[in-house]
Amino acid sequence: MSLIKRITVWMLTVESRLILAKYRPFIVAVTGSVGKTSTKDAIYDVLKADGVCHDQHLCFVRKSEKSQNSDIGLPLTVIGVPNAWRSMSGWMHNIAAGARLILGRHEYPDCLILEVGADHPGDIRNVTRWLKPDIAVITKISRTPVHVEFFKSPEQVFEEKAALAEAVKPTGTLVVFADDDKVAGLAERVKSRGVSCVSFGLNENASVKATDIKVLYDEPPVKEWKVESVGGLSTTEFTFAPKVVAAPIGITFTLNMDGKSEPVTVKGILGRTYLYPLLAAAAVGKARGVALQSVAKSLSAYDAPKGRMRVIPSLNDSTLIDDTYKSSPDAASAALETLKALECAGAKIAVLGDMMELGKYSAEEHRRIGREAAGIVARLITVGQRSRLTADEAAKSGLSAESIHAFDTAVEAAAFLVPLVRTGDIILVKGSQSIRMERVSAALLRNPSKASDLLVRQEPEWLEKK
């Protein structure tokens, strides 16, 4: 980190500490290895829609933008300013905005919803020196998490994430992922300080859980037409009913909380991995006293972040599952399991890019994904040098050589795939950010003009990168 950046981060952090001390907003902080951004966005929807704080005035709620969760992203959210990137004048403007909040009296959010990440050891512990959440949410922590190459072991990653749980105010609440005993066990660490705990998941003992989980399909109307004659030899009238191709468009489930239940239907996303953020948001709603009906209504209106298991219409009446924001071993496995469970009139195709920052675990994790994909897909396309191991392992696991194709870039993979897509196909596209798998998704869009509304990394700065 350059000296100028260090000074800028220090100044913004000092301003953030002073702003929090002055305005005292209610703070919800989210960390974990899987689903942080989706969870943060779902929590925002629940608390914003409820709109009333405990002291019965309308809430002004602010959330971290996109995945703004770093040592510089958190202060930017607290101050309420955008990333200035390489603009020195932009950073000076941001620092001035923080100073104005400190020196004057301005409208400020009643509630901040912050995403807290950990790229290196000490990242979260440094943040918790000045950030004490009223509610901390711990999502799933992967057995082989992203960024593990910068830590001694997955256990060290877990302990770094656990630091946020230990920073919750004594009067606060810890929300934990109930389907992982290790994460759920964090509740025991904080109970002695009087922190209350709420759990979420599919576990029977979870405080907030989902049952009756189903995929929602959209079946187009049956088209009929008549033929009054065939070759001029007959006047018999024929009616044809073409085969209906059902496309997955979302999920439905029953939300259970406090002995009551409400149905929830969420269009545009698939998979249990993206069910968990909704349950985590419901758990935060429970902690804040939001009524179950209000929570269910908010979740049904949830608009998932771009690049996260988004269901998008694709070429030739096929279906694209766009999961291109980033990737990790657990997330890739979950995406493949979702693909496996779907009804499909055509072929199931997986386009998988490299998973980055796995260090010494990289080779085996890429191979493992290849073994899993072999039993699920009709065609596997890989992108990147690391993912060639995925392709090799899929071949060893029984997927035919003709069905496996490895490329160095997303552009090459897209050019190969587009002519192959047929009606009823379901195509999963997933990979880490640097592999730029959204380029594959862009080539598959039924309506390319909507790319900026549907896909990640469509800003000019990204599109100009090679």
Protein backbone atom coordinates (compact mmCIF):
# COMPACT_ATOMS: atom_id res chain seq x y z
CA MET A 1 0.00 0.00 0.00
CA SER A 2 1.42 3.39 -0.98
CA LEU A 3 2.10 6.07 1.61
CA ILE A 4 -0.61 8.31 0.15
CA LYS A 5 -3.17 5.51 0.37
CA ARG A 6 -2.15 4.72 3.96
CA ILE A 7 -2.62 8.34 4.96
CA THR A 8 -5.98 8.52 3.18
CA VAL A 9 -7.25 5.34 4.85
CA TRP A 10 -6.06 6.61 8.24
CA MET A 11 -7.82 9.96 7.81
CA LEU A 12 -11.08 8.37 6.66
CA THR A 13 -10.96 5.86 9.51
CA VAL A 14 -10.43 8.57 12.12
CA GLU A 15 -13.33 10.53 10.65
CA SER A 16 -15.52 7.40 10.73
CA ARG A 17 -14.80 6.81 14.41
CA LEU A 18 -15.74 10.40 15.23
CA ILE A 19 -18.90 10.24 13.11
CA LEU A 20 -20.09 7.03 14.79
CA ALA A 21 -19.38 8.51 18.22
CA LYS A 22 -21.35 11.65 17.37
CA TYR A 23 -24.41 10.22 15.60
CA ARG A 24 -24.57 6.76 17.28
CA PRO A 25 -26.39 4.82 14.51
CA PHE A 26 -27.62 1.27 15.04
CA ILE A 27 -25.03 -0.94 13.34
CA VAL A 28 -25.58 -4.31 11.66
CA ALA A 29 -22.31 -5.89 10.48
CA VAL A 30 -22.06 -8.96 8.24
CA THR A 31 -19.12 -11.30 7.65
CA GLY A 32 -18.48 -14.87 6.51
CA SER A 33 -17.09 -16.64 3.45
CA VAL A 34 -20.26 -17.11 1.41
CA GLY A 35 -23.15 -14.74 0.80
CA LYS A 36 -22.01 -11.59 2.63
CA THR A 37 -23.18 -9.13 -0.01
CA SER A 38 -26.46 -10.93 -0.68
CA THR A 39 -27.11 -11.06 3.07
CA LYS A 40 -26.34 -7.38 3.51
CA ASP A 41 -28.71 -6.45 0.69
CA ALA A 42 -31.51 -8.67 2.03
CA ILE A 43 -31.13 -7.18 5.53
CA TYR A 44 -31.40 -3.71 4.01
CA ASP A 45 -34.65 -4.67 2.28
CA VAL A 46 -36.15 -6.01 5.52
CA LEU A 47 -35.18 -3.06 7.73
CA LYS A 48 -35.91 -0.40 5.12
CA ALA A 49 -39.34 -1.82 4.38
CA ASP A 50 -40.24 -2.03 8.06
CA GLY A 51 -39.23 1.61 8.33
CA VAL A 52 -39.72 2.07 12.07
CA CYS A 53 -37.01 2.08 14.71
CA HIS A 54 -37.59 1.00 18.27
CA ASP A 55 -38.15 4.59 19.36
CA GLN A 56 -40.99 4.77 16.80
CA HIS A 57 -39.61 7.26 14.29
CA LEU A 58 -39.01 6.50 10.64
CA CYS A 59 -35.65 4.88 9.98
CA PHE A 60 -33.06 6.18 7.55
CA VAL A 61 -31.09 3.06 6.58
CA ARG A 62 -27.79 2.96 4.66
CA LYS A 63 -25.91 -0.09 3.42
CA SER A 64 -22.45 -0.75 2.00
CA GLU A 65 -22.53 -0.40 -1.77
CA LYS A 66 -21.73 -3.52 -3.79
CA SER A 67 -19.01 -5.43 -1.87
CA GLN A 68 -17.48 -2.37 -0.22
CA ASN A 69 -16.09 -4.22 2.80
CA SER A 70 -12.39 -3.35 3.08
CA ASP A 71 -10.34 -1.03 5.28
CA ILE A 72 -11.25 1.76 2.90
CA GLY A 73 -14.73 0.56 1.89
CA LEU A 74 -16.11 0.64 5.44
CA PRO A 75 -15.14 4.29 6.11
CA LEU A 76 -16.61 5.29 2.76
CA THR A 77 -19.94 3.75 3.80
CA VAL A 78 -19.86 5.39 7.21
CA ILE A 79 -19.19 8.79 5.64
CA GLY A 80 -21.59 8.13 2.77
CA VAL A 81 -19.29 8.84 -0.18
CA PRO A 82 -18.23 6.81 -3.25
CA ASN A 83 -14.87 5.28 -4.06
CA ALA A 84 -12.81 7.98 -5.80
CA TRP A 85 -10.50 5.41 -7.39
CA ARG A 86 -7.50 7.30 -8.84
CA SER A 87 -8.92 10.80 -8.47
CA MET A 88 -6.98 12.83 -5.89
CA SER A 89 -9.62 15.56 -5.99
CA GLY A 90 -12.25 12.89 -5.38
CA TRP A 91 -10.47 11.70 -2.24
CA MET A 92 -10.10 15.26 -0.99
CA HIS A 93 -13.85 15.69 -1.53
CA ASN A 94 -14.53 12.53 0.50
CA ILE A 95 -12.32 13.69 3.38
CA ALA A 96 -14.06 17.09 3.32
CA ALA A 97 -17.46 15.36 3.46
CA GLY A 98 -16.39 13.50 6.59
CA ALA A 99 -15.17 16.73 8.18
CA ARG A 100 -18.50 18.44 7.52
CA LEU A 101 -20.37 15.64 9.32
CA ILE A 102 -18.05 15.97 12.30
CA LEU A 103 -18.03 19.76 12.55
CA GLY A 104 -21.70 20.42 11.80
CA ARG A 105 -25.03 18.78 12.55
CA HIS A 106 -26.44 16.96 9.54
CA GLU A 107 -29.02 14.30 8.78
CA TYR A 108 -27.40 10.91 9.32
CA PRO A 109 -28.66 7.31 9.00
CA ASP A 110 -30.39 5.76 12.00
CA CYS A 111 -29.05 2.38 10.87
CA LEU A 112 -25.91 1.28 9.01
CA ILE A 113 -25.67 -2.16 7.40
CA LEU A 114 -22.02 -2.92 6.83
CA GLU A 115 -20.26 -5.77 5.06
CA VAL A 116 -16.95 -6.67 6.71
CA GLY A 117 -14.35 -8.66 4.75
CA ALA A 118 -11.02 -10.26 5.60
CA ASP A 119 -8.39 -10.53 2.87
CA HIS A 120 -5.43 -10.81 5.26
CA PRO A 121 -4.81 -11.68 8.93
CA GLY A 122 -5.85 -8.87 11.24
CA ASP A 123 -8.27 -7.17 8.84
CA ILE A 124 -11.39 -7.71 10.96
CA ARG A 125 -9.62 -7.38 14.31
CA ASN A 126 -8.33 -3.97 13.24
CA VAL A 127 -11.84 -2.89 12.26
CA THR A 128 -13.36 -4.04 15.55
CA ARG A 129 -11.09 -1.66 17.45
CA TRP A 130 -13.48 1.07 16.37
CA LEU A 131 -16.55 -0.73 15.05
CA LYS A 132 -18.82 -2.27 17.71
CA PRO A 133 -21.95 -3.66 16.03
CA ASP A 134 -25.35 -3.88 17.68
CA ILE A 135 -26.00 -6.95 15.53
CA ALA A 136 -23.29 -9.13 13.98
CA VAL A 137 -24.25 -11.67 11.33
CA ILE A 138 -21.93 -14.61 10.65
CA THR A 139 -22.79 -16.42 7.41
CA LYS A 140 -21.28 -19.71 6.25
CA ILE A 141 -17.50 -19.94 6.66
CA SER A 142 -16.10 -22.26 4.01
CA ARG A 143 -13.76 -25.14 4.76
CA THR A 144 -11.49 -23.74 2.00
CA PRO A 145 -12.38 -20.05 1.93
CA VAL A 146 -11.33 -17.43 -0.59
CA HIS A 147 -8.16 -15.57 0.53
CA VAL A 148 -6.96 -18.66 2.43
CA GLU A 149 -3.59 -18.34 0.65
CA PHE A 150 -2.88 -15.29 2.82
CA PHE A 151 -3.57 -17.18 6.07
CA LYS A 152 -1.75 -20.06 7.72
CA SER A 153 -4.84 -22.27 7.59
CA PRO A 154 -8.64 -22.25 7.16
CA GLU A 155 -8.85 -22.24 10.96
CA GLN A 156 -7.05 -18.89 11.06
CA VAL A 157 -9.60 -17.52 8.57
CA PHE A 158 -12.39 -18.75 10.84
CA GLU A 159 -10.90 -17.04 13.88
CA GLU A 160 -10.51 -13.79 11.94
CA LYS A 161 -14.22 -13.88 11.05
CA ALA A 162 -15.10 -14.83 14.64
CA ALA A 163 -13.56 -11.56 15.81
CA LEU A 164 -16.67 -9.74 14.58
CA ALA A 165 -18.89 -11.93 16.77
CA GLU A 166 -16.73 -11.12 19.78
CA ALA A 167 -17.04 -7.38 19.07
CA VAL A 168 -20.85 -7.24 19.45
CA LYS A 169 -22.03 -4.82 22.12
CA PRO A 170 -23.11 -6.49 25.40
CA THR A 171 -26.70 -5.40 24.73
CA GLY A 172 -26.52 -6.63 21.13
CA THR A 173 -27.40 -9.74 19.15
CA LEU A 174 -25.31 -12.33 17.34
CA VAL A 175 -26.95 -13.95 14.29
CA VAL A 176 -25.30 -17.25 13.30
CA PHE A 177 -25.57 -19.84 10.54
CA ALA A 178 -27.22 -22.84 12.23
CA ASP A 179 -26.33 -25.44 9.59
CA ASP A 180 -22.65 -25.35 10.54
CA ASP A 181 -21.95 -26.48 14.09
CA LYS A 182 -18.71 -24.53 14.23
CA VAL A 183 -20.35 -21.23 13.25
CA ALA A 184 -23.36 -21.91 15.48
CA GLY A 185 -20.91 -22.56 18.32
CA LEU A 186 -19.84 -18.91 18.26
CA ALA A 187 -22.97 -18.20 20.27
CA GLU A 188 -21.36 -19.83 23.29
CA ARG A 189 -18.41 -17.42 23.12
CA VAL A 190 -20.58 -14.34 23.58
CA LYS A 191 -23.37 -15.45 25.91
CA SER A 192 -21.29 -14.74 28.99
CA ARG A 193 -21.31 -11.04 28.02
CA GLY A 194 -25.09 -10.99 27.83
CA VAL A 195 -25.26 -10.99 24.04
CA SER A 196 -28.46 -12.61 22.76
CA CYS A 197 -28.32 -15.07 19.85
CA VAL A 198 -30.56 -15.86 16.87
CA SER A 199 -29.79 -18.68 14.43
CA PHE A 200 -30.89 -19.22 10.84
CA GLY A 201 -30.76 -22.09 8.37
CA LEU A 202 -32.45 -25.35 7.49
CA ASN A 203 -31.45 -27.00 10.75
CA GLU A 204 -34.48 -28.08 12.76
CA ASN A 205 -33.22 -26.15 15.80
CA ALA A 206 -32.69 -22.86 13.96
CA SER A 207 -34.59 -19.85 15.33
CA VAL A 208 -35.46 -18.85 11.76
CA LYS A 209 -35.75 -21.60 9.17
CA ALA A 210 -37.17 -22.49 5.77
CA THR A 211 -39.30 -25.50 4.89
CA ASP A 212 -41.11 -26.65 1.74
CA ILE A 213 -38.33 -25.33 -0.51
CA LYS A 214 -39.14 -25.62 -4.21
CA VAL A 215 -37.92 -24.32 -7.55
CA LEU A 216 -40.39 -22.05 -9.30
CA TYR A 217 -40.84 -22.75 -13.03
CA ASP A 218 -42.34 -20.56 -15.70
CA GLU A 219 -44.28 -22.59 -18.24
CA PRO A 220 -45.05 -20.64 -21.42
CA PRO A 221 -48.56 -21.04 -22.86
CA VAL A 222 -49.15 -23.92 -25.24
CA LYS A 223 -49.38 -22.68 -28.81
CA GLU A 224 -51.86 -24.31 -31.16
CA TRP A 225 -52.27 -24.04 -34.89
CA LYS A 226 -54.40 -25.70 -37.55
CA VAL A 227 -53.62 -27.25 -40.92
CA GLU A 228 -56.67 -27.46 -43.17
CA SER A 229 -54.99 -29.63 -45.77
CA VAL A 230 -51.87 -31.69 -46.21
CA GLY A 231 -50.40 -31.65 -49.71
CA GLY A 232 -53.76 -30.70 -51.09
CA LEU A 233 -55.04 -34.23 -50.47
CA SER A 234 -57.08 -33.73 -47.35
CA THR A 235 -59.30 -31.16 -45.66
CA THR A 236 -58.84 -32.76 -42.27
CA GLU A 237 -58.14 -30.23 -39.54
CA PHE A 238 -55.08 -30.95 -37.31
CA THR A 239 -54.23 -29.31 -33.99
CA PHE A 240 -50.60 -29.34 -32.83
CA ALA A 241 -49.52 -28.68 -29.23
CA PRO A 242 -45.74 -28.20 -29.17
CA LYS A 243 -43.85 -29.48 -26.15
CA VAL A 244 -43.76 -26.87 -23.40
CA VAL A 245 -40.28 -26.02 -22.13
CA ALA A 246 -40.45 -25.07 -18.47
CA ALA A 247 -37.74 -22.63 -17.38
CA PRO A 248 -36.64 -22.11 -13.74
CA ILE A 249 -37.37 -18.56 -12.62
CA GLY A 250 -36.97 -18.54 -8.83
CA ILE A 251 -37.63 -20.27 -5.52
CA THR A 252 -40.51 -20.64 -3.10
CA PHE A 253 -40.40 -21.65 0.56
CA THR A 254 -42.18 -21.33 3.87
CA LEU A 255 -40.54 -18.97 6.38
CA ASN A 256 -40.84 -20.19 9.99
CA MET A 257 -40.21 -17.89 12.96
CA ASP A 258 -41.54 -17.69 16.50
CA GLY A 259 -43.96 -20.57 15.92
CA LYS A 260 -45.55 -18.87 12.92
CA SER A 261 -45.04 -19.29 9.18
CA GLU A 262 -45.46 -17.27 5.99
CA PRO A 263 -44.98 -18.22 2.32
CA VAL A 264 -42.17 -16.50 0.40
CA THR A 265 -41.67 -16.45 -3.37
CA VAL A 266 -38.48 -14.92 -4.76
CA LYS A 267 -38.04 -14.61 -8.50
CA GLY A 268 -34.71 -14.24 -10.25
CA ILE A 269 -32.44 -16.42 -8.09
CA LEU A 270 -31.83 -20.12 -7.52
CA GLY A 271 -30.13 -22.35 -5.00
CA ARG A 272 -29.92 -22.95 -1.29
CA THR A 273 -26.78 -20.83 -1.11
CA TYR A 274 -28.97 -17.84 -1.91
CA LEU A 275 -31.77 -18.97 0.35
CA TYR A 276 -29.48 -18.49 3.36
CA PRO A 277 -29.07 -14.71 2.91
CA LEU A 278 -32.86 -14.39 3.01
CA LEU A 279 -33.05 -16.38 6.23
CA ALA A 280 -30.23 -14.33 7.74
CA ALA A 281 -32.16 -11.17 6.92
CA ALA A 282 -35.26 -12.63 8.54
CA ALA A 283 -33.18 -13.39 11.65
CA VAL A 284 -32.07 -9.76 11.82
CA GLY A 285 -35.70 -8.76 11.42
CA LYS A 286 -36.58 -11.00 14.34
CA ALA A 287 -33.83 -9.42 16.45
CA ARG A 288 -35.21 -5.98 15.61
CA GLY A 289 -38.81 -6.95 16.34
CA VAL A 290 -40.02 -6.76 12.73
CA ALA A 291 -43.31 -8.62 12.19
CA LEU A 292 -43.13 -11.92 10.31
CA GLN A 293 -45.57 -10.76 7.62
CA SER A 294 -43.47 -7.68 6.96
CA VAL A 295 -40.31 -9.80 6.72
CA ALA A 296 -41.94 -12.24 4.28
CA LYS A 297 -43.22 -9.39 2.12
CA SER A 298 -39.77 -7.79 1.96
CA LEU A 299 -38.06 -11.05 1.05
CA SER A 300 -40.59 -11.74 -1.71
CA ALA A 301 -39.60 -8.41 -3.26
CA TYR A 302 -35.87 -9.10 -2.90
CA ASP A 303 -33.77 -8.27 -5.95
CA ALA A 304 -30.58 -10.34 -5.77
CA PRO A 305 -27.24 -8.66 -6.49
CA LYS A 306 -25.91 -9.04 -10.00
CA GLY A 307 -23.71 -12.03 -10.68
CA ARG A 308 -25.09 -14.18 -7.87
CA MET A 309 -27.14 -17.13 -9.16
CA ARG A 310 -29.29 -14.76 -11.19
CA VAL A 311 -31.68 -16.46 -13.62
CA ILE A 312 -31.60 -14.65 -16.96
CA PRO A 313 -33.26 -15.43 -20.32
CA SER A 314 -30.63 -16.71 -22.74
CA LEU A 315 -30.22 -17.40 -26.47
CA ASN A 316 -32.65 -19.71 -28.27
CA ASP A 317 -35.05 -19.95 -25.31
CA SER A 318 -32.35 -21.35 -23.05
CA THR A 319 -31.76 -20.27 -19.43
CA LEU A 320 -28.61 -18.62 -18.07
CA ILE A 321 -27.66 -18.95 -14.41
CA ASP A 322 -25.25 -16.06 -13.98
CA ASP A 323 -22.99 -16.57 -10.95
CA THR A 324 -20.02 -14.60 -12.21
CA TYR A 325 -19.33 -12.19 -9.35
CA LYS A 326 -16.72 -14.48 -7.82
CA SER A 327 -16.10 -18.11 -6.95
CA SER A 328 -14.87 -20.39 -4.19
CA PRO A 329 -14.89 -24.18 -3.77
CA ASP A 330 -18.00 -24.26 -1.58
CA ALA A 331 -19.87 -21.79 -3.79
CA ALA A 332 -18.97 -23.71 -6.95
CA SER A 333 -20.15 -26.98 -5.38
CA ALA A 334 -23.41 -25.37 -4.30
CA ALA A 335 -24.00 -23.94 -7.77
CA LEU A 336 -23.45 -27.36 -9.35
CA GLU A 337 -25.83 -28.96 -6.86
CA THR A 338 -28.45 -26.40 -7.80
CA LEU A 339 -27.94 -27.20 -11.49
CA LYS A 340 -28.23 -30.91 -10.74
CA ALA A 341 -31.62 -30.49 -9.04
CA LEU A 342 -33.23 -28.52 -11.89
CA GLU A 343 -35.66 -29.97 -14.39
CA CYS A 344 -34.19 -29.43 -17.83
CA ALA A 345 -35.68 -30.04 -21.28
CA GLY A 346 -32.30 -29.58 -22.98
CA ALA A 347 -28.69 -29.98 -21.88
CA LYS A 348 -27.11 -28.88 -18.60
CA ILE A 349 -23.93 -26.94 -19.35
CA ALA A 350 -21.38 -25.60 -16.85
CA VAL A 351 -18.87 -22.90 -17.78
CA LEU A 352 -16.40 -22.74 -14.90
CA GLY A 353 -13.50 -20.32 -14.50
CA ASP A 354 -10.50 -20.38 -12.19
CA MET A 355 -11.01 -20.00 -8.44
CA MET A 356 -8.38 -17.62 -7.13
CA GLU A 357 -6.50 -17.08 -3.85
CA LEU A 358 -6.65 -20.72 -2.71
CA GLY A 359 -2.89 -21.12 -2.31
CA LYS A 360 -1.74 -24.68 -1.68
CA TYR A 361 -5.37 -25.90 -1.78
CA SER A 362 -5.92 -24.72 -5.36
CA ALA A 363 -5.03 -27.85 -7.35
CA GLU A 364 -7.09 -30.29 -5.31
CA GLU A 365 -10.11 -27.97 -5.08
CA HIS A 366 -10.16 -27.48 -8.86
CA ARG A 367 -9.92 -31.24 -9.33
CA ARG A 368 -12.74 -31.82 -6.84
CA ILE A 369 -15.03 -29.49 -8.78
CA GLY A 370 -14.23 -31.48 -11.92
CA ARG A 371 -15.29 -34.71 -10.23
CA GLU A 372 -18.54 -33.14 -9.10
CA ALA A 373 -19.30 -31.61 -12.49
CA ALA A 374 -18.77 -34.91 -14.29
CA GLY A 375 -21.84 -36.43 -12.69
CA ILE A 376 -24.08 -33.44 -13.35
CA VAL A 377 -23.45 -31.77 -16.71
CA ALA A 378 -23.75 -32.84 -20.34
CA ARG A 379 -21.05 -30.35 -21.35
CA LEU A 380 -18.24 -28.74 -19.35
CA ILE A 381 -16.35 -25.66 -20.50
CA THR A 382 -13.45 -24.37 -18.39
CA VAL A 383 -11.65 -21.04 -18.49
CA GLY A 384 -8.14 -20.41 -17.17
CA GLN A 385 -5.02 -22.43 -16.47
CA ARG A 386 -6.11 -23.63 -13.02
CA SER A 387 -9.43 -24.90 -14.36
CA ARG A 388 -7.66 -27.19 -16.83
CA LEU A 389 -7.32 -29.43 -13.77
CA THR A 390 -11.11 -29.30 -13.49
CA ALA A 391 -11.43 -30.41 -17.11
CA ASP A 392 -8.85 -33.20 -16.68
CA GLU A 393 -10.54 -34.55 -13.56
CA ALA A 394 -13.97 -34.48 -15.21
CA ALA A 395 -12.58 -36.65 -18.00
CA LYS A 396 -11.11 -39.08 -15.49
CA SER A 397 -14.50 -39.18 -13.73
CA GLY A 398 -16.41 -40.33 -16.80
CA LEU A 399 -17.45 -37.24 -18.75
CA SER A 400 -16.67 -37.89 -22.42
CA ALA A 401 -13.77 -36.05 -24.03
CA GLU A 402 -16.13 -34.63 -26.69
CA SER A 403 -18.12 -32.94 -23.92
CA ILE A 404 -15.15 -31.17 -22.30
CA HIS A 405 -13.57 -28.00 -23.66
CA ALA A 406 -10.84 -25.90 -22.02
CA PHE A 407 -9.99 -22.30 -22.93
CA ASP A 408 -7.57 -19.68 -21.69
CA THR A 409 -10.00 -16.73 -21.81
CA ALA A 410 -13.69 -16.04 -21.31
CA VAL A 411 -13.90 -14.47 -24.78
CA GLU A 412 -12.67 -17.69 -26.40
CA ALA A 413 -15.10 -19.77 -24.34
CA ALA A 414 -18.03 -17.52 -25.28
CA ALA A 415 -17.23 -17.70 -29.01
CA PHE A 416 -17.19 -21.49 -28.81
CA LEU A 417 -20.35 -21.84 -26.72
CA VAL A 418 -22.79 -19.46 -28.44
CA PRO A 419 -23.38 -21.60 -31.58
CA LEU A 420 -24.02 -24.69 -29.42
CA VAL A 421 -26.87 -23.33 -27.27
CA ARG A 422 -30.26 -24.92 -27.92
CA THR A 423 -33.82 -24.50 -26.68
CA GLY A 424 -34.29 -25.79 -23.13
CA ASP A 425 -30.58 -25.74 -22.23
CA ILE A 426 -29.56 -24.46 -18.80
CA ILE A 427 -26.12 -22.85 -18.66
CA LEU A 428 -24.33 -22.16 -15.37
CA VAL A 429 -21.51 -19.60 -15.64
CA LYS A 430 -19.20 -19.13 -12.65
CA GLY A 431 -15.64 -18.02 -11.86
CA SER A 432 -13.49 -15.62 -9.87
CA GLN A 433 -13.50 -11.93 -10.67
CA SER A 434 -10.15 -11.80 -12.49
CA ILE A 435 -11.28 -14.46 -15.00
CA ARG A 436 -14.06 -12.11 -16.18
CA MET A 437 -16.70 -14.79 -16.67
CA GLU A 438 -19.36 -12.11 -17.12
CA ARG A 439 -18.05 -11.88 -20.69
CA VAL A 440 -19.45 -15.37 -21.30
CA SER A 441 -22.79 -14.35 -19.77
CA ALA A 442 -22.90 -11.21 -21.91
CA ALA A 443 -22.52 -13.29 -25.07
CA LEU A 444 -25.43 -15.50 -24.00
CA LEU A 445 -27.98 -12.78 -23.22
CA ARG A 446 -31.23 -12.99 -25.13
CA ASN A 447 -31.35 -9.21 -24.99
CA PRO A 448 -27.74 -7.89 -25.09
CA SER A 449 -28.90 -4.27 -24.68
CA LYS A 450 -29.80 -5.09 -21.04
CA ALA A 451 -26.28 -6.20 -20.08
CA SER A 452 -25.68 -3.19 -17.83
CA ASP A 453 -28.90 -3.92 -15.93
CA LEU A 454 -28.30 -7.66 -15.57
CA LEU A 455 -24.57 -8.34 -15.26
CA VAL A 456 -21.67 -7.38 -13.01
CA ARG A 457 -18.68 -5.31 -14.12
CA GLN A 458 -20.41 -3.43 -16.91
CA GLU A 459 -19.00 -0.03 -15.91
CA PRO A 460 -16.72 1.66 -18.50
CA GLU A 461 -13.64 1.08 -16.30
CA TRP A 462 -14.24 -2.69 -16.40
CA LEU A 463 -15.29 -2.90 -20.03
CA GLU A 464 -12.08 -1.17 -21.11
CA LYS A 465 -9.88 -3.71 -19.33
CA LYS A 466 -8.31 -6.44 -21.42
